[in-house]
Amino acid sequence: MKWTDTLDIAIELLDAHPDVDPQLVRFTDLHAWVMALDGFDDDPEKSSERILESIQMNWIEEKE
């Protein structure tokens, strides 16, 4: 996965952190959790606030 795979990342985060409310996750934690996902292989510097927001929104939608 790459940073642009925001929906896939959100689904993986939902599986990895099922009890977490994604609305309450800080972007610093979100970045670290994405980097720790199995199958994630991208440059940490390619992340941006816009990408993290997209991941967070997808995660919120998938959790509903």
Protein backbone atom coordinates (compact mmCIF):
# COMPACT_ATOMS: atom_id res chain seq x y z
CA MET A 1 0.00 0.00 0.00
CA LYS A 2 0.99 3.57 -0.66
CA TRP A 3 -0.24 6.82 0.90
CA THR A 4 -2.67 7.23 -2.00
CA ASP A 5 -4.48 3.99 -1.06
CA THR A 6 -6.52 5.81 1.56
CA LEU A 7 -9.53 3.48 1.55
CA ASP A 8 -7.39 0.34 1.80
CA ILE A 9 -5.42 1.93 4.63
CA ALA A 10 -8.64 2.86 6.45
CA ILE A 11 -9.92 -0.72 6.21
CA GLU A 12 -6.63 -2.06 7.55
CA LEU A 13 -6.71 0.45 10.43
CA LEU A 14 -10.26 -0.61 11.27
CA ASP A 15 -9.07 -4.21 11.51
CA ALA A 16 -5.95 -3.29 13.49
CA HIS A 17 -7.69 -0.90 15.90
CA PRO A 18 -11.36 -1.96 16.13
CA ASP A 19 -12.03 -0.24 19.46
CA VAL A 20 -10.58 3.15 18.46
CA ASP A 21 -12.81 6.09 17.57
CA PRO A 22 -11.09 7.44 14.43
CA GLN A 23 -12.45 10.93 15.11
CA LEU A 24 -10.26 11.14 18.21
CA VAL A 25 -6.99 9.99 16.63
CA ARG A 26 -4.24 12.60 16.37
CA PHE A 27 -2.51 12.83 13.01
CA THR A 28 0.84 11.99 14.62
CA ASP A 29 -0.62 8.71 15.90
CA LEU A 30 -2.41 8.06 12.63
CA HIS A 31 0.83 8.50 10.69
CA ALA A 32 2.64 6.06 12.98
CA TRP A 33 -0.16 3.49 12.79
CA VAL A 34 -0.21 3.64 8.99
CA MET A 35 3.55 3.17 8.87
CA ALA A 36 3.19 0.08 11.10
CA LEU A 37 0.59 -1.65 8.91
CA ASP A 38 1.62 -4.90 7.24
CA GLY A 39 1.78 -4.30 3.54
CA PHE A 40 2.39 -0.57 3.81
CA ASP A 41 5.47 0.38 1.85
CA ASP A 42 5.87 4.07 1.12
CA ASP A 43 8.09 6.96 2.07
CA PRO A 44 7.03 8.50 5.42
CA GLU A 45 7.81 11.93 3.98
CA LYS A 46 5.15 11.55 1.25
CA SER A 47 2.39 11.89 3.81
CA SER A 48 0.49 15.16 4.12
CA GLU A 49 -2.31 16.58 6.21
CA ARG A 50 -4.67 16.15 3.24
CA ILE A 51 -3.80 12.45 2.92
CA LEU A 52 -4.18 11.84 6.64
CA GLU A 53 -7.56 13.61 6.60
CA SER A 54 -8.67 11.38 3.74
CA ILE A 55 -7.57 8.26 5.60
CA GLN A 56 -9.36 9.44 8.73
CA MET A 57 -12.59 10.22 6.83
CA ASN A 58 -12.54 6.82 5.11
CA TRP A 59 -11.94 5.15 8.47
CA ILE A 60 -14.90 6.98 10.00
CA GLU A 61 -17.14 5.95 7.09
CA GLU A 62 -16.00 2.31 7.25
CA LYS A 63 -16.63 2.17 11.00
CA GLU A 64 -20.28 3.26 10.65
